[in-house]
Amino acid sequence: MEEENFHLKVVSRKGVIFEGEVISITSYNEKGVFDVLASHANFISLISKGVIIKDLQGVEKKIDFDNALLKVFKNNVEIYIGVEGLSSGFMK
């Protein structure tokens, strides 16, 4: 049976902002809006405009930021806020 949730950790330079199990996240990259669900393919992306987190109760929470790095690996998602020093051509 496939998992319905995944572990999310959101970190800024000041420390951990959010950590826990979630159903989904929604954010933006250079291609547009996208969602991450449980068992998502592994990938890394620069993201912007914040992230919307849907927790296990279905409640949505928004964390605002301008730039961050998102990493999806084996049903774990990490978001590192404050990567504004990276060039937009970094991931190309």
PDB file of N, CA and C in Angstrom:
ATOM      1  N   MET A   1       0.842  -1.193   0.000  1.00  0.00           N
ATOM      2  CA  MET A   1       0.000   0.000   0.000  1.00  0.00           C
ATOM      3  C   MET A   1       0.882   1.250   0.000  1.00  0.00           C
ATOM      4  N   GLU A   2       0.539   2.178  -0.873  1.00  0.00           N
ATOM      5  CA  GLU A   2       1.324   3.397  -1.001  1.00  0.00           C
ATOM      6  C   GLU A   2       1.029   4.363   0.155  1.00  0.00           C
ATOM      7  N   GLU A   3       2.064   5.047   0.604  1.00  0.00           N
ATOM      8  CA  GLU A   3       1.887   6.008   1.694  1.00  0.00           C
ATOM      9  C   GLU A   3       1.071   7.197   1.218  1.00  0.00           C
ATOM     10  N   GLU A   4       0.337   7.795   2.148  1.00  0.00           N
ATOM     11  CA  GLU A   4      -0.491   8.951   1.823  1.00  0.00           C
ATOM     12  C   GLU A   4       0.090  10.253   2.350  1.00  0.00           C
ATOM     13  N   ASN A   5       1.173  10.162   3.127  1.00  0.00           N
ATOM     14  CA  ASN A   5       1.795  11.373   3.655  1.00  0.00           C
ATOM     15  C   ASN A   5       3.312  11.240   3.575  1.00  0.00           C
ATOM     16  N   PHE A   6       3.988  12.347   3.853  1.00  0.00           N
ATOM     17  CA  PHE A   6       5.449  12.358   3.811  1.00  0.00           C
ATOM     18  C   PHE A   6       5.972  13.331   4.853  1.00  0.00           C
ATOM     19  N   HIS A   7       7.266  13.246   5.109  1.00  0.00           N
ATOM     20  CA  HIS A   7       7.903  14.105   6.112  1.00  0.00           C
ATOM     21  C   HIS A   7       8.399  15.386   5.448  1.00  0.00           C
ATOM     22  N   LEU A   8       8.096  16.521   6.053  1.00  0.00           N
ATOM     23  CA  LEU A   8       8.522  17.828   5.551  1.00  0.00           C
ATOM     24  C   LEU A   8       9.305  18.545   6.634  1.00  0.00           C
ATOM     25  N   LYS A   9      10.410  19.155   6.226  1.00  0.00           N
ATOM     26  CA  LYS A   9      11.200  19.995   7.118  1.00  0.00           C
ATOM     27  C   LYS A   9      11.497  21.300   6.378  1.00  0.00           C
ATOM     28  N   VAL A  10      11.116  22.423   6.989  1.00  0.00           N
ATOM     29  CA  VAL A  10      11.363  23.752   6.416  1.00  0.00           C
ATOM     30  C   VAL A  10      12.339  24.465   7.342  1.00  0.00           C
ATOM     31  N   VAL A  11      13.477  24.879   6.771  1.00  0.00           N
ATOM     32  CA  VAL A  11      14.559  25.466   7.559  1.00  0.00           C
ATOM     33  C   VAL A  11      14.930  26.833   6.993  1.00  0.00           C
ATOM     34  N   SER A  12      15.152  27.798   7.891  1.00  0.00           N
ATOM     35  CA  SER A  12      15.704  29.093   7.499  1.00  0.00           C
ATOM     36  C   SER A  12      17.048  29.246   8.199  1.00  0.00           C
ATOM     37  N   ARG A  13      17.686  30.357   7.986  1.00  0.00           N
ATOM     38  CA  ARG A  13      18.969  30.610   8.659  1.00  0.00           C
ATOM     39  C   ARG A  13      18.797  30.711  10.173  1.00  0.00           C
ATOM     40  N   LYS A  14      17.579  30.988  10.620  1.00  0.00           N
ATOM     41  CA  LYS A  14      17.305  31.123  12.053  1.00  0.00           C
ATOM     42  C   LYS A  14      16.927  29.803  12.711  1.00  0.00           C
ATOM     43  N   GLY A  15      16.720  28.749  11.909  1.00  0.00           N
ATOM     44  CA  GLY A  15      16.369  27.450  12.485  1.00  0.00           C
ATOM     45  C   GLY A  15      15.198  26.797  11.776  1.00  0.00           C
ATOM     46  N   VAL A  16      14.668  25.760  12.395  1.00  0.00           N
ATOM     47  CA  VAL A  16      13.561  24.994  11.820  1.00  0.00           C
ATOM     48  C   VAL A  16      12.258  25.775  11.999  1.00  0.00           C
ATOM     49  N   ILE A  17      11.557  26.007  10.880  1.00  0.00           N
ATOM     50  CA  ILE A  17      10.281  26.726  10.891  1.00  0.00           C
ATOM     51  C   ILE A  17       9.120  25.743  11.014  1.00  0.00           C
ATOM     52  N   PHE A  18       9.238  24.609  10.349  1.00  0.00           N
ATOM     53  CA  PHE A  18       8.186  23.586  10.381  1.00  0.00           C
ATOM     54  C   PHE A  18       8.841  22.233  10.205  1.00  0.00           C
ATOM     55  N   GLU A  19       8.345  21.245  10.940  1.00  0.00           N
ATOM     56  CA  GLU A  19       8.777  19.866  10.730  1.00  0.00           C
ATOM     57  C   GLU A  19       7.640  18.951  11.140  1.00  0.00           C
ATOM     58  N   GLY A  20       7.286  18.029  10.240  1.00  0.00           N
ATOM     59  CA  GLY A  20       6.230  17.085  10.558  1.00  0.00           C
ATOM     60  C   GLY A  20       5.738  16.354   9.326  1.00  0.00           C
ATOM     61  N   GLU A  21       4.749  15.500   9.544  1.00  0.00           N
ATOM     62  CA  GLU A  21       4.130  14.735   8.472  1.00  0.00           C
ATOM     63  C   GLU A  21       3.051  15.591   7.815  1.00  0.00           C
ATOM     64  N   VAL A  22       2.991  15.555   6.480  1.00  0.00           N
ATOM     65  CA  VAL A  22       2.014  16.340   5.721  1.00  0.00           C
ATOM     66  C   VAL A  22       1.427  15.492   4.595  1.00  0.00           C
ATOM     67  N   ILE A  23       0.305  15.979   4.055  1.00  0.00           N
ATOM     68  CA  ILE A  23      -0.352  15.319   2.921  1.00  0.00           C
ATOM     69  C   ILE A  23       0.202  15.841   1.601  1.00  0.00           C
ATOM     70  N   SER A  24       0.425  17.164   1.527  1.00  0.00           N
ATOM     71  CA  SER A  24       0.903  17.762   0.276  1.00  0.00           C
ATOM     72  C   SER A  24       1.528  19.121   0.548  1.00  0.00           C
ATOM     73  N   ILE A  25       2.300  19.577  -0.438  1.00  0.00           N
ATOM     74  CA  ILE A  25       2.770  20.958  -0.456  1.00  0.00           C
ATOM     75  C   ILE A  25       2.570  21.500  -1.863  1.00  0.00           C
ATOM     76  N   THR A  26       2.377  22.801  -1.949  1.00  0.00           N
ATOM     77  CA  THR A  26       2.233  23.491  -3.224  1.00  0.00           C
ATOM     78  C   THR A  26       3.211  24.659  -3.221  1.00  0.00           C
ATOM     79  N   SER A  27       3.941  24.833  -4.340  1.00  0.00           N
ATOM     80  CA  SER A  27       4.862  25.956  -4.451  1.00  0.00           C
ATOM     81  C   SER A  27       5.026  26.334  -5.918  1.00  0.00           C
ATOM     82  N   TYR A  28       5.995  27.207  -6.191  1.00  0.00           N
ATOM     83  CA  TYR A  28       6.240  27.726  -7.536  1.00  0.00           C
ATOM     84  C   TYR A  28       7.721  27.589  -7.874  1.00  0.00           C
ATOM     85  N   ASN A  29       7.998  27.193  -9.129  1.00  0.00           N
ATOM     86  CA  ASN A  29       9.360  27.266  -9.641  1.00  0.00           C
ATOM     87  C   ASN A  29       9.304  27.974 -10.993  1.00  0.00           C
ATOM     88  N   GLU A  30      10.389  27.926 -11.748  1.00  0.00           N
ATOM     89  CA  GLU A  30      10.420  28.677 -13.018  1.00  0.00           C
ATOM     90  C   GLU A  30       9.408  28.167 -14.036  1.00  0.00           C
ATOM     91  N   LYS A  31       8.906  26.949 -13.870  1.00  0.00           N
ATOM     92  CA  LYS A  31       7.903  26.384 -14.788  1.00  0.00           C
ATOM     93  C   LYS A  31       6.478  26.722 -14.367  1.00  0.00           C
ATOM     94  N   GLY A  32       6.275  27.169 -13.120  1.00  0.00           N
ATOM     95  CA  GLY A  32       4.942  27.499 -12.636  1.00  0.00           C
ATOM     96  C   GLY A  32       4.630  26.806 -11.325  1.00  0.00           C
ATOM     97  N   VAL A  33       3.351  26.705 -11.032  1.00  0.00           N
ATOM     98  CA  VAL A  33       2.903  26.103  -9.775  1.00  0.00           C
ATOM     99  C   VAL A  33       3.011  24.576  -9.870  1.00  0.00           C
ATOM    100  N   PHE A  34       3.358  23.938  -8.756  1.00  0.00           N
ATOM    101  CA  PHE A  34       3.432  22.478  -8.724  1.00  0.00           C
ATOM    102  C   PHE A  34       3.101  21.984  -7.326  1.00  0.00           C
ATOM    103  N   ASP A  35       2.716  20.714  -7.253  1.00  0.00           N
ATOM    104  CA  ASP A  35       2.403  20.050  -5.987  1.00  0.00           C
ATOM    105  C   ASP A  35       3.367  18.909  -5.758  1.00  0.00           C
ATOM    106  N   VAL A  36       3.618  18.618  -4.497  1.00  0.00           N
ATOM    107  CA  VAL A  36       4.362  17.430  -4.105  1.00  0.00           C
ATOM    108  C   VAL A  36       3.427  16.613  -3.216  1.00  0.00           C
ATOM    109  N   LEU A  37       3.260  15.342  -3.574  1.00  0.00           N
ATOM    110  CA  LEU A  37       2.456  14.400  -2.810  1.00  0.00           C
ATOM    111  C   LEU A  37       3.350  13.261  -2.348  1.00  0.00           C
ATOM    112  N   ALA A  38       2.829  12.383  -1.503  1.00  0.00           N
ATOM    113  CA  ALA A  38       3.590  11.228  -1.036  1.00  0.00           C
ATOM    114  C   ALA A  38       4.080  10.407  -2.228  1.00  0.00           C
ATOM    115  N   SER A  39       5.252   9.826  -2.092  1.00  0.00           N
ATOM    116  CA  SER A  39       5.883   8.982  -3.121  1.00  0.00           C
ATOM    117  C   SER A  39       6.218   9.757  -4.393  1.00  0.00           C
ATOM    118  N   HIS A  40       6.406  11.059  -4.277  1.00  0.00           N
ATOM    119  CA  HIS A  40       6.785  11.894  -5.423  1.00  0.00           C
ATOM    120  C   HIS A  40       8.174  11.495  -5.902  1.00  0.00           C
ATOM    121  N   ALA A  41       8.431  11.683  -7.174  1.00  0.00           N
ATOM    122  CA  ALA A  41       9.764  11.429  -7.732  1.00  0.00           C
ATOM    123  C   ALA A  41      10.794  12.318  -7.045  1.00  0.00           C
ATOM    124  N   ASN A  42      12.009  11.820  -6.902  1.00  0.00           N
ATOM    125  CA  ASN A  42      13.098  12.596  -6.317  1.00  0.00           C
ATOM    126  C   ASN A  42      13.461  13.743  -7.249  1.00  0.00           C
ATOM    127  N   PHE A  43      13.645  14.935  -6.706  1.00  0.00           N
ATOM    128  CA  PHE A  43      14.116  16.064  -7.499  1.00  0.00           C
ATOM    129  C   PHE A  43      14.550  17.213  -6.600  1.00  0.00           C
ATOM    130  N   ILE A  44      15.229  18.170  -7.208  1.00  0.00           N
ATOM    131  CA  ILE A  44      15.663  19.396  -6.533  1.00  0.00           C
ATOM    132  C   ILE A  44      15.227  20.562  -7.405  1.00  0.00           C
ATOM    133  N   SER A  45      14.733  21.640  -6.764  1.00  0.00           N
ATOM    134  CA  SER A  45      14.298  22.805  -7.521  1.00  0.00           C
ATOM    135  C   SER A  45      14.458  24.065  -6.683  1.00  0.00           C
ATOM    136  N   LEU A  46      14.767  25.162  -7.347  1.00  0.00           N
ATOM    137  CA  LEU A  46      14.666  26.469  -6.712  1.00  0.00           C
ATOM    138  C   LEU A  46      13.194  26.843  -6.733  1.00  0.00           C
ATOM    139  N   ILE A  47      12.680  27.343  -5.618  1.00  0.00           N
ATOM    140  CA  ILE A  47      11.270  27.713  -5.547  1.00  0.00           C
ATOM    141  C   ILE A  47      11.133  29.144  -5.056  1.00  0.00           C
ATOM    142  N   SER A  48       9.947  29.713  -5.292  1.00  0.00           N
ATOM    143  CA  SER A  48       9.690  31.097  -4.893  1.00  0.00           C
ATOM    144  C   SER A  48       8.221  31.248  -4.491  1.00  0.00           C
ATOM    145  N   LYS A  49       7.864  32.412  -4.017  1.00  0.00           N
ATOM    146  CA  LYS A  49       6.495  32.780  -3.663  1.00  0.00           C
ATOM    147  C   LYS A  49       5.933  31.989  -2.486  1.00  0.00           C
ATOM    148  N   GLY A  50       6.771  31.327  -1.716  1.00  0.00           N
ATOM    149  CA  GLY A  50       6.294  30.624  -0.535  1.00  0.00           C
ATOM    150  C   GLY A  50       5.861  29.200  -0.814  1.00  0.00           C
ATOM    151  N   VAL A  51       5.305  28.578   0.233  1.00  0.00           N
ATOM    152  CA  VAL A  51       4.838  27.194   0.132  1.00  0.00           C
ATOM    153  C   VAL A  51       3.542  27.073   0.929  1.00  0.00           C
ATOM    154  N   ILE A  52       2.607  26.311   0.390  1.00  0.00           N
ATOM    155  CA  ILE A  52       1.366  26.000   1.093  1.00  0.00           C
ATOM    156  C   ILE A  52       1.457  24.548   1.527  1.00  0.00           C
ATOM    157  N   ILE A  53       1.294  24.328   2.820  1.00  0.00           N
ATOM    158  CA  ILE A  53       1.421  22.992   3.421  1.00  0.00           C
ATOM    159  C   ILE A  53       0.037  22.512   3.824  1.00  0.00           C
ATOM    160  N   LYS A  54      -0.331  21.290   3.412  1.00  0.00           N
ATOM    161  CA  LYS A  54      -1.575  20.683   3.880  1.00  0.00           C
ATOM    162  C   LYS A  54      -1.207  19.618   4.900  1.00  0.00           C
ATOM    163  N   ASP A  55      -1.596  19.832   6.172  1.00  0.00           N
ATOM    164  CA  ASP A  55      -1.228  18.903   7.237  1.00  0.00           C
ATOM    165  C   ASP A  55      -2.137  17.667   7.237  1.00  0.00           C
ATOM    166  N   LEU A  56      -1.918  16.758   8.163  1.00  0.00           N
ATOM    167  CA  LEU A  56      -2.648  15.492   8.189  1.00  0.00           C
ATOM    168  C   LEU A  56      -4.142  15.666   8.446  1.00  0.00           C
ATOM    169  N   GLN A  57      -4.543  16.801   8.999  1.00  0.00           N
ATOM    170  CA  GLN A  57      -5.961  17.085   9.214  1.00  0.00           C
ATOM    171  C   GLN A  57      -6.587  17.819   8.026  1.00  0.00           C
ATOM    172  N   GLY A  58      -5.782  18.078   6.986  1.00  0.00           N
ATOM    173  CA  GLY A  58      -6.271  18.786   5.804  1.00  0.00           C
ATOM    174  C   GLY A  58      -6.248  20.290   5.935  1.00  0.00           C
ATOM    175  N   VAL A  59      -5.659  20.802   7.012  1.00  0.00           N
ATOM    176  CA  VAL A  59      -5.573  22.248   7.235  1.00  0.00           C
ATOM    177  C   VAL A  59      -4.382  22.800   6.453  1.00  0.00           C
ATOM    178  N   GLU A  60      -4.618  23.884   5.712  1.00  0.00           N
ATOM    179  CA  GLU A  60      -3.548  24.506   4.933  1.00  0.00           C
ATOM    180  C   GLU A  60      -2.875  25.616   5.728  1.00  0.00           C
ATOM    181  N   LYS A  61      -1.553  25.626   5.667  1.00  0.00           N
ATOM    182  CA  LYS A  61      -0.735  26.655   6.301  1.00  0.00           C
ATOM    183  C   LYS A  61       0.194  27.204   5.229  1.00  0.00           C
ATOM    184  N   LYS A  62       0.406  28.514   5.238  1.00  0.00           N
ATOM    185  CA  LYS A  62       1.295  29.125   4.248  1.00  0.00           C
ATOM    186  C   LYS A  62       2.531  29.689   4.930  1.00  0.00           C
ATOM    187  N   ILE A  63       3.675  29.423   4.323  1.00  0.00           N
ATOM    188  CA  ILE A  63       4.930  30.032   4.762  1.00  0.00           C
ATOM    189  C   ILE A  63       5.401  30.896   3.605  1.00  0.00           C
ATOM    190  N   ASP A  64       5.529  32.191   3.834  1.00  0.00           N
ATOM    191  CA  ASP A  64       5.947  33.128   2.787  1.00  0.00           C
ATOM    192  C   ASP A  64       7.454  33.281   2.766  1.00  0.00           C
ATOM    193  N   PHE A  65       8.013  33.313   1.557  1.00  0.00           N
ATOM    194  CA  PHE A  65       9.425  33.620   1.342  1.00  0.00           C
ATOM    195  C   PHE A  65       9.592  33.984  -0.123  1.00  0.00           C
ATOM    196  N   ASP A  66      10.742  34.559  -0.457  1.00  0.00           N
ATOM    197  CA  ASP A  66      11.019  34.926  -1.846  1.00  0.00           C
ATOM    198  C   ASP A  66      11.738  33.820  -2.601  1.00  0.00           C
ATOM    199  N   ASN A  67      12.705  33.182  -1.956  1.00  0.00           N
ATOM    200  CA  ASN A  67      13.506  32.162  -2.622  1.00  0.00           C
ATOM    201  C   ASN A  67      13.856  31.043  -1.652  1.00  0.00           C
ATOM    202  N   ALA A  68      13.886  29.825  -2.173  1.00  0.00           N
ATOM    203  CA  ALA A  68      14.271  28.680  -1.349  1.00  0.00           C
ATOM    204  C   ALA A  68      14.707  27.546  -2.270  1.00  0.00           C
ATOM    205  N   LEU A  69      15.319  26.561  -1.671  1.00  0.00           N
ATOM    206  CA  LEU A  69      15.713  25.339  -2.369  1.00  0.00           C
ATOM    207  C   LEU A  69      14.866  24.213  -1.819  1.00  0.00           C
ATOM    208  N   LEU A  70      14.227  23.454  -2.709  1.00  0.00           N
ATOM    209  CA  LEU A  70      13.396  22.328  -2.308  1.00  0.00           C
ATOM    210  C   LEU A  70      14.065  21.041  -2.758  1.00  0.00           C
ATOM    211  N   LYS A  71      14.136  20.069  -1.850  1.00  0.00           N
ATOM    212  CA  LYS A  71      14.730  18.767  -2.172  1.00  0.00           C
ATOM    213  C   LYS A  71      13.738  17.682  -1.788  1.00  0.00           C
ATOM    214  N   VAL A  72      13.389  16.823  -2.757  1.00  0.00           N
ATOM    215  CA  VAL A  72      12.518  15.672  -2.515  1.00  0.00           C
ATOM    216  C   VAL A  72      13.381  14.432  -2.675  1.00  0.00           C
ATOM    217  N   PHE A  73      13.429  13.589  -1.622  1.00  0.00           N
ATOM    218  CA  PHE A  73      14.233  12.370  -1.678  1.00  0.00           C
ATOM    219  C   PHE A  73      13.618  11.304  -0.786  1.00  0.00           C
ATOM    220  N   LYS A  74      13.189  10.222  -1.382  1.00  0.00           N
ATOM    221  CA  LYS A  74      12.652   9.060  -0.657  1.00  0.00           C
ATOM    222  C   LYS A  74      11.575   9.436   0.355  1.00  0.00           C
ATOM    223  N   ASN A  75      10.557  10.135  -0.105  1.00  0.00           N
ATOM    224  CA  ASN A  75       9.391  10.510   0.697  1.00  0.00           C
ATOM    225  C   ASN A  75       9.719  11.479   1.837  1.00  0.00           C
ATOM    226  N   ASN A  76      10.839  12.173   1.704  1.00  0.00           N
ATOM    227  CA  ASN A  76      11.213  13.249   2.622  1.00  0.00           C
ATOM    228  C   ASN A  76      11.417  14.512   1.796  1.00  0.00           C
ATOM    229  N   VAL A  77      10.873  15.614   2.267  1.00  0.00           N
ATOM    230  CA  VAL A  77      11.030  16.889   1.565  1.00  0.00           C
ATOM    231  C   VAL A  77      11.692  17.869   2.525  1.00  0.00           C
ATOM    232  N   GLU A  78      12.718  18.550   2.026  1.00  0.00           N
ATOM    233  CA  GLU A  78      13.396  19.585   2.791  1.00  0.00           C
ATOM    234  C   GLU A  78      13.348  20.872   1.990  1.00  0.00           C
ATOM    235  N   ILE A  79      13.033  21.964   2.672  1.00  0.00           N
ATOM    236  CA  ILE A  79      13.010  23.286   2.052  1.00  0.00           C
ATOM    237  C   ILE A  79      13.970  24.170   2.833  1.00  0.00           C
ATOM    238  N   TYR A  80      14.916  24.767   2.117  1.00  0.00           N
ATOM    239  CA  TYR A  80      15.912  25.653   2.718  1.00  0.00           C
ATOM    240  C   TYR A  80      15.639  27.072   2.242  1.00  0.00           C
ATOM    241  N   ILE A  81      15.128  27.903   3.142  1.00  0.00           N
ATOM    242  CA  ILE A  81      14.751  29.278   2.813  1.00  0.00           C
ATOM    243  C   ILE A  81      15.979  30.182   2.903  1.00  0.00           C
ATOM    244  N   GLY A  82      16.046  31.147   1.971  1.00  0.00           N
ATOM    245  CA  GLY A  82      17.119  32.137   2.018  1.00  0.00           C
ATOM    246  C   GLY A  82      18.259  31.808   1.094  1.00  0.00           C
ATOM    247  N   VAL A  83      17.936  31.370  -0.093  1.00  0.00           N
ATOM    248  CA  VAL A  83      18.981  31.050  -1.067  1.00  0.00           C
ATOM    249  C   VAL A  83      19.060  32.140  -2.142  1.00  0.00           C
ATOM    250  N   GLU A  84      18.705  33.367  -1.751  1.00  0.00           N
ATOM    251  CA  GLU A  84      18.655  34.460  -2.725  1.00  0.00           C
ATOM    252  C   GLU A  84      19.998  34.776  -3.355  1.00  0.00           C
ATOM    253  N   GLY A  85      21.083  34.303  -2.772  1.00  0.00           N
ATOM    254  CA  GLY A  85      22.405  34.540  -3.343  1.00  0.00           C
ATOM    255  C   GLY A  85      22.713  33.644  -4.534  1.00  0.00           C
ATOM    256  N   LEU A  86      21.895  32.611  -4.765  1.00  0.00           N
ATOM    257  CA  LEU A  86      22.142  31.710  -5.882  1.00  0.00           C
ATOM    258  C   LEU A  86      21.686  32.346  -7.182  1.00  0.00           C
ATOM    259  N   SER A  87      22.440  32.128  -8.217  1.00  0.00           N
ATOM    260  CA  SER A  87      22.090  32.624  -9.539  1.00  0.00           C
ATOM    261  C   SER A  87      20.898  31.828 -10.082  1.00  0.00           C
ATOM    262  N   SER A  88      20.025  32.472 -10.857  1.00  0.00           N
ATOM    263  CA  SER A  88      18.913  31.750 -11.450  1.00  0.00           C
ATOM    264  C   SER A  88      19.385  30.718 -12.458  1.00  0.00           C
ATOM    265  N   GLY A  89      20.604  30.848 -12.951  1.00  0.00           N
ATOM    266  CA  GLY A  89      21.157  29.871 -13.881  1.00  0.00           C
ATOM    267  C   GLY A  89      21.840  28.714 -13.186  1.00  0.00           C
ATOM    268  N   PHE A  90      21.852  28.699 -11.883  1.00  0.00           N
ATOM    269  CA  PHE A  90      22.556  27.676 -11.101  1.00  0.00           C
ATOM    270  C   PHE A  90      22.094  26.270 -11.431  1.00  0.00           C
ATOM    271  N   MET A  91      20.790  26.044 -11.595  1.00  0.00           N
ATOM    272  CA  MET A  91      20.240  24.703 -11.766  1.00  0.00           C
ATOM    273  C   MET A  91      20.127  24.291 -13.242  1.00  0.00           C
ATOM    274  N   LYS A  92      20.542  25.107 -14.150  1.00  0.00           N
ATOM    275  CA  LYS A  92      20.361  24.796 -15.584  1.00  0.00           C
ATOM    276  C   LYS A  92      21.482  23.928 -16.096  1.00  0.00           C
TER     277      LYS A  92
END
